Amino acid sequence: MERIRRAFRSEVRESHLGIALIFCLILMSAMSIALLWQAQIIANQRDAIRWLEQLKMGN
């Protein structure tokens, strides 16, 4: 626990800031890709549900 306190008390260096920004950029990019992938899955499921409803109703 003491090590964590010392880490947060230390001064922020430019190199640490750059690494943190790069990490956040990569993480946000991965989340955006995952969100688009999930939206495509939901759209495909919606189409499948409509097809099944039409099949059940006989349209």
PDB file of N, CA and C in Angstrom:
ATOM      1  N   MET A   1       0.826  -1.198   0.000  1.00  0.00           N
ATOM      2  CA  MET A   1       0.000   0.000   0.000  1.00  0.00           C
ATOM      3  C   MET A   1       0.867   1.257   0.000  1.00  0.00           C
ATOM      4  N   GLU A   2       1.942   1.188   0.746  1.00  0.00           N
ATOM      5  CA  GLU A   2       2.836   2.346   0.814  1.00  0.00           C
ATOM      6  C   GLU A   2       3.474   2.626  -0.552  1.00  0.00           C
ATOM      7  N   ARG A   3       3.752   1.579  -1.295  1.00  0.00           N
ATOM      8  CA  ARG A   3       4.344   1.751  -2.621  1.00  0.00           C
ATOM      9  C   ARG A   3       3.381   2.485  -3.553  1.00  0.00           C
ATOM     10  N   ILE A   4       2.092   2.193  -3.431  1.00  0.00           N
ATOM     11  CA  ILE A   4       1.083   2.862  -4.257  1.00  0.00           C
ATOM     12  C   ILE A   4       1.017   4.340  -3.895  1.00  0.00           C
ATOM     13  N   ARG A   5       1.065   4.632  -2.609  1.00  0.00           N
ATOM     14  CA  ARG A   5       1.052   6.050  -2.189  1.00  0.00           C
ATOM     15  C   ARG A   5       2.250   6.799  -2.734  1.00  0.00           C
ATOM     16  N   ARG A   6       3.423   6.166  -2.669  1.00  0.00           N
ATOM     17  CA  ARG A   6       4.621   6.823  -3.197  1.00  0.00           C
ATOM     18  C   ARG A   6       4.524   7.039  -4.704  1.00  0.00           C
ATOM     19  N   ALA A   7       3.914   6.099  -5.398  1.00  0.00           N
ATOM     20  CA  ALA A   7       3.776   6.234  -6.849  1.00  0.00           C
ATOM     21  C   ALA A   7       2.882   7.415  -7.208  1.00  0.00           C
ATOM     22  N   PHE A   8       1.828   7.628  -6.427  1.00  0.00           N
ATOM     23  CA  PHE A   8       0.924   8.740  -6.718  1.00  0.00           C
ATOM     24  C   PHE A   8       1.479  10.076  -6.258  1.00  0.00           C
ATOM     25  N   ARG A   9       2.403  10.067  -5.328  1.00  0.00           N
ATOM     26  CA  ARG A   9       3.014  11.315  -4.861  1.00  0.00           C
ATOM     27  C   ARG A   9       4.107  11.803  -5.798  1.00  0.00           C
ATOM     28  N   SER A  10       4.689  10.887  -6.562  1.00  0.00           N
ATOM     29  CA  SER A  10       5.806  11.277  -7.423  1.00  0.00           C
ATOM     30  C   SER A  10       5.338  12.251  -8.499  1.00  0.00           C
ATOM     31  N   GLU A  11       6.291  12.990  -8.993  1.00  0.00           N
ATOM     32  CA  GLU A  11       5.978  13.972 -10.026  1.00  0.00           C
ATOM     33  C   GLU A  11       5.661  13.273 -11.341  1.00  0.00           C
ATOM     34  N   VAL A  12       4.757  13.851 -12.092  1.00  0.00           N
ATOM     35  CA  VAL A  12       4.398  13.308 -13.387  1.00  0.00           C
ATOM     36  C   VAL A  12       5.406  13.824 -14.402  1.00  0.00           C
ATOM     37  N   ARG A  13       6.033  12.894 -15.098  1.00  0.00           N
ATOM     38  CA  ARG A  13       7.014  13.272 -16.112  1.00  0.00           C
ATOM     39  C   ARG A  13       6.346  13.249 -17.483  1.00  0.00           C
ATOM     40  N   GLU A  14       6.938  13.961 -18.398  1.00  0.00           N
ATOM     41  CA  GLU A  14       6.395  14.037 -19.754  1.00  0.00           C
ATOM     42  C   GLU A  14       6.336  12.653 -20.398  1.00  0.00           C
ATOM     43  N   SER A  15       7.322  11.815 -20.130  1.00  0.00           N
ATOM     44  CA  SER A  15       7.331  10.481 -20.734  1.00  0.00           C
ATOM     45  C   SER A  15       6.171   9.643 -20.198  1.00  0.00           C
ATOM     46  N   HIS A  16       5.865   9.785 -18.908  1.00  0.00           N
ATOM     47  CA  HIS A  16       4.738   9.058 -18.331  1.00  0.00           C
ATOM     48  C   HIS A  16       3.419   9.545 -18.924  1.00  0.00           C
ATOM     49  N   LEU A  17       3.308  10.828 -19.133  1.00  0.00           N
ATOM     50  CA  LEU A  17       2.097  11.396 -19.709  1.00  0.00           C
ATOM     51  C   LEU A  17       1.889  10.886 -21.137  1.00  0.00           C
ATOM     52  N   GLY A  18       2.956  10.831 -21.904  1.00  0.00           N
ATOM     53  CA  GLY A  18       2.865  10.326 -23.266  1.00  0.00           C
ATOM     54  C   GLY A  18       2.447   8.864 -23.301  1.00  0.00           C
ATOM     55  N   ILE A  19       3.001   8.057 -22.420  1.00  0.00           N
ATOM     56  CA  ILE A  19       2.641   6.642 -22.352  1.00  0.00           C
ATOM     57  C   ILE A  19       1.176   6.494 -21.963  1.00  0.00           C
ATOM     58  N   ALA A  20       0.724   7.290 -21.010  1.00  0.00           N
ATOM     59  CA  ALA A  20      -0.677   7.226 -20.582  1.00  0.00           C
ATOM     60  C   ALA A  20      -1.613   7.631 -21.721  1.00  0.00           C
ATOM     61  N   LEU A  21      -1.256   8.654 -22.471  1.00  0.00           N
ATOM     62  CA  LEU A  21      -2.081   9.086 -23.594  1.00  0.00           C
ATOM     63  C   LEU A  21      -2.135   8.031 -24.698  1.00  0.00           C
ATOM     64  N   ILE A  22      -1.000   7.408 -24.977  1.00  0.00           N
ATOM     65  CA  ILE A  22      -0.978   6.352 -25.992  1.00  0.00           C
ATOM     66  C   ILE A  22      -1.823   5.167 -25.539  1.00  0.00           C
ATOM     67  N   PHE A  23      -1.713   4.798 -24.278  1.00  0.00           N
ATOM     68  CA  PHE A  23      -2.510   3.698 -23.731  1.00  0.00           C
ATOM     69  C   PHE A  23      -4.001   4.008 -23.842  1.00  0.00           C
ATOM     70  N   CYS A  24      -4.395   5.225 -23.495  1.00  0.00           N
ATOM     71  CA  CYS A  24      -5.810   5.620 -23.587  1.00  0.00           C
ATOM     72  C   CYS A  24      -6.291   5.616 -25.036  1.00  0.00           C
ATOM     73  N   LEU A  25      -5.464   6.062 -25.950  1.00  0.00           N
ATOM     74  CA  LEU A  25      -5.827   6.075 -27.364  1.00  0.00           C
ATOM     75  C   LEU A  25      -6.047   4.658 -27.883  1.00  0.00           C
ATOM     76  N   ILE A  26      -5.157   3.755 -27.540  1.00  0.00           N
ATOM     77  CA  ILE A  26      -5.300   2.359 -27.968  1.00  0.00           C
ATOM     78  C   ILE A  26      -6.537   1.737 -27.347  1.00  0.00           C
ATOM     79  N   LEU A  27      -6.763   1.989 -26.081  1.00  0.00           N
ATOM     80  CA  LEU A  27      -7.925   1.426 -25.394  1.00  0.00           C
ATOM     81  C   LEU A  27      -9.232   1.967 -25.976  1.00  0.00           C
ATOM     82  N   MET A  28      -9.299   3.253 -26.247  1.00  0.00           N
ATOM     83  CA  MET A  28     -10.514   3.836 -26.822  1.00  0.00           C
ATOM     84  C   MET A  28     -10.744   3.332 -28.244  1.00  0.00           C
ATOM     85  N   SER A  29      -9.682   3.121 -29.001  1.00  0.00           N
ATOM     86  CA  SER A  29      -9.817   2.569 -30.351  1.00  0.00           C
ATOM     87  C   SER A  29     -10.383   1.158 -30.289  1.00  0.00           C
ATOM     88  N   ALA A  30      -9.884   0.350 -29.365  1.00  0.00           N
ATOM     89  CA  ALA A  30     -10.381  -1.015 -29.218  1.00  0.00           C
ATOM     90  C   ALA A  30     -11.847  -1.016 -28.809  1.00  0.00           C
ATOM     91  N   MET A  31     -12.238  -0.117 -27.926  1.00  0.00           N
ATOM     92  CA  MET A  31     -13.637  -0.047 -27.506  1.00  0.00           C
ATOM     93  C   MET A  31     -14.532   0.405 -28.651  1.00  0.00           C
ATOM     94  N   SER A  32     -14.057   1.313 -29.493  1.00  0.00           N
ATOM     95  CA  SER A  32     -14.841   1.756 -30.645  1.00  0.00           C
ATOM     96  C   SER A  32     -15.048   0.623 -31.640  1.00  0.00           C
ATOM     97  N   ILE A  33     -14.000  -0.146 -31.884  1.00  0.00           N
ATOM     98  CA  ILE A  33     -14.118  -1.291 -32.786  1.00  0.00           C
ATOM     99  C   ILE A  33     -15.088  -2.315 -32.213  1.00  0.00           C
ATOM    100  N   ALA A  34     -15.005  -2.565 -30.913  1.00  0.00           N
ATOM    101  CA  ALA A  34     -15.923  -3.515 -30.275  1.00  0.00           C
ATOM    102  C   ALA A  34     -17.363  -3.028 -30.361  1.00  0.00           C
ATOM    103  N   LEU A  35     -17.569  -1.741 -30.223  1.00  0.00           N
ATOM    104  CA  LEU A  35     -18.915  -1.184 -30.306  1.00  0.00           C
ATOM    105  C   LEU A  35     -19.492  -1.341 -31.710  1.00  0.00           C
ATOM    106  N   LEU A  36     -18.699  -1.086 -32.722  1.00  0.00           N
ATOM    107  CA  LEU A  36     -19.153  -1.269 -34.104  1.00  0.00           C
ATOM    108  C   LEU A  36     -19.443  -2.735 -34.397  1.00  0.00           C
ATOM    109  N   TRP A  37     -18.604  -3.622 -33.905  1.00  0.00           N
ATOM    110  CA  TRP A  37     -18.807  -5.058 -34.095  1.00  0.00           C
ATOM    111  C   TRP A  37     -20.106  -5.506 -33.436  1.00  0.00           C
ATOM    112  N   GLN A  38     -20.347  -5.021 -32.223  1.00  0.00           N
ATOM    113  CA  GLN A  38     -21.573  -5.376 -31.501  1.00  0.00           C
ATOM    114  C   GLN A  38     -22.808  -4.822 -32.217  1.00  0.00           C
ATOM    115  N   ALA A  39     -22.720  -3.631 -32.774  1.00  0.00           N
ATOM    116  CA  ALA A  39     -23.847  -3.053 -33.503  1.00  0.00           C
ATOM    117  C   ALA A  39     -24.182  -3.891 -34.729  1.00  0.00           C
ATOM    118  N   GLN A  40     -23.167  -4.415 -35.396  1.00  0.00           N
ATOM    119  CA  GLN A  40     -23.402  -5.272 -36.562  1.00  0.00           C
ATOM    120  C   GLN A  40     -24.096  -6.571 -36.145  1.00  0.00           C
ATOM    121  N   ILE A  41     -23.707  -7.131 -35.030  1.00  0.00           N
ATOM    122  CA  ILE A  41     -24.352  -8.352 -34.533  1.00  0.00           C
ATOM    123  C   ILE A  41     -25.819  -8.082 -34.210  1.00  0.00           C
ATOM    124  N   ILE A  42     -26.105  -6.960 -33.577  1.00  0.00           N
ATOM    125  CA  ILE A  42     -27.484  -6.610 -33.234  1.00  0.00           C
ATOM    126  C   ILE A  42     -28.317  -6.423 -34.501  1.00  0.00           C
ATOM    127  N   ALA A  43     -27.747  -5.788 -35.511  1.00  0.00           N
ATOM    128  CA  ALA A  43     -28.470  -5.594 -36.773  1.00  0.00           C
ATOM    129  C   ALA A  43     -28.781  -6.934 -37.429  1.00  0.00           C
ATOM    130  N   ASN A  44     -27.827  -7.851 -37.414  1.00  0.00           N
ATOM    131  CA  ASN A  44     -28.062  -9.180 -37.992  1.00  0.00           C
ATOM    132  C   ASN A  44     -29.149  -9.923 -37.219  1.00  0.00           C
ATOM    133  N   GLN A  45     -29.159  -9.798 -35.910  1.00  0.00           N
ATOM    134  CA  GLN A  45     -30.190 -10.450 -35.110  1.00  0.00           C
ATOM    135  C   GLN A  45     -31.562  -9.850 -35.405  1.00  0.00           C
ATOM    136  N   ARG A  46     -31.618  -8.550 -35.599  1.00  0.00           N
ATOM    137  CA  ARG A  46     -32.884  -7.897 -35.912  1.00  0.00           C
ATOM    138  C   ARG A  46     -33.437  -8.425 -37.239  1.00  0.00           C
ATOM    139  N   ASP A  47     -32.553  -8.581 -38.228  1.00  0.00           N
ATOM    140  CA  ASP A  47     -32.987  -9.128 -39.525  1.00  0.00           C
ATOM    141  C   ASP A  47     -33.488 -10.563 -39.374  1.00  0.00           C
ATOM    142  N   ALA A  48     -32.805 -11.356 -38.558  1.00  0.00           N
ATOM    143  CA  ALA A  48     -33.228 -12.740 -38.349  1.00  0.00           C
ATOM    144  C   ALA A  48     -34.579 -12.803 -37.651  1.00  0.00           C
ATOM    145  N   ILE A  49     -34.804 -11.913 -36.705  1.00  0.00           N
ATOM    146  CA  ILE A  49     -36.085 -11.884 -35.997  1.00  0.00           C
ATOM    147  C   ILE A  49     -37.209 -11.490 -36.952  1.00  0.00           C
ATOM    148  N   ARG A  50     -36.975 -10.501 -37.796  1.00  0.00           N
ATOM    149  CA  ARG A  50     -37.996 -10.102 -38.780  1.00  0.00           C
ATOM    150  C   ARG A  50     -38.322 -11.256 -39.728  1.00  0.00           C
ATOM    151  N   TRP A  51     -37.282 -11.972 -40.176  1.00  0.00           N
ATOM    152  CA  TRP A  51     -37.492 -13.106 -41.074  1.00  0.00           C
ATOM    153  C   TRP A  51     -38.326 -14.189 -40.385  1.00  0.00           C
ATOM    154  N   LEU A  52     -38.019 -14.473 -39.116  1.00  0.00           N
ATOM    155  CA  LEU A  52     -38.790 -15.482 -38.380  1.00  0.00           C
ATOM    156  C   LEU A  52     -40.242 -15.035 -38.155  1.00  0.00           C
ATOM    157  N   GLU A  53     -40.437 -13.749 -37.886  1.00  0.00           N
ATOM    158  CA  GLU A  53     -41.808 -13.252 -37.716  1.00  0.00           C
ATOM    159  C   GLU A  53     -42.588 -13.381 -39.008  1.00  0.00           C
ATOM    160  N   GLN A  54     -41.972 -13.055 -40.138  1.00  0.00           N
ATOM    161  CA  GLN A  54     -42.645 -13.192 -41.431  1.00  0.00           C
ATOM    162  C   GLN A  54     -42.946 -14.658 -41.734  1.00  0.00           C
ATOM    163  N   LEU A  55     -42.046 -15.529 -41.383  1.00  0.00           N
ATOM    164  CA  LEU A  55     -42.250 -16.954 -41.605  1.00  0.00           C
ATOM    165  C   LEU A  55     -43.411 -17.471 -40.760  1.00  0.00           C
ATOM    166  N   LYS A  56     -43.486 -16.987 -39.523  1.00  0.00           N
ATOM    167  CA  LYS A  56     -44.558 -17.427 -38.616  1.00  0.00           C
ATOM    168  C   LYS A  56     -45.907 -16.889 -39.074  1.00  0.00           C
ATOM    169  N   MET A  57     -45.943 -15.645 -39.535  1.00  0.00           N
ATOM    170  CA  MET A  57     -47.206 -15.038 -39.954  1.00  0.00           C
ATOM    171  C   MET A  57     -47.616 -15.474 -41.351  1.00  0.00           C
ATOM    172  N   GLY A  58     -46.719 -16.020 -42.109  1.00  0.00           N
ATOM    173  CA  GLY A  58     -47.044 -16.488 -43.453  1.00  0.00           C
ATOM    174  C   GLY A  58     -47.066 -15.399 -44.490  1.00  0.00           C
ATOM    175  N   ASN A  59     -46.363 -14.303 -44.252  1.00  0.00           N
ATOM    176  CA  ASN A  59     -46.322 -13.190 -45.215  1.00  0.00           C
ATOM    177  C   ASN A  59     -45.304 -13.441 -46.271  1.00  0.00           C
TER     178      ASN A  59
END
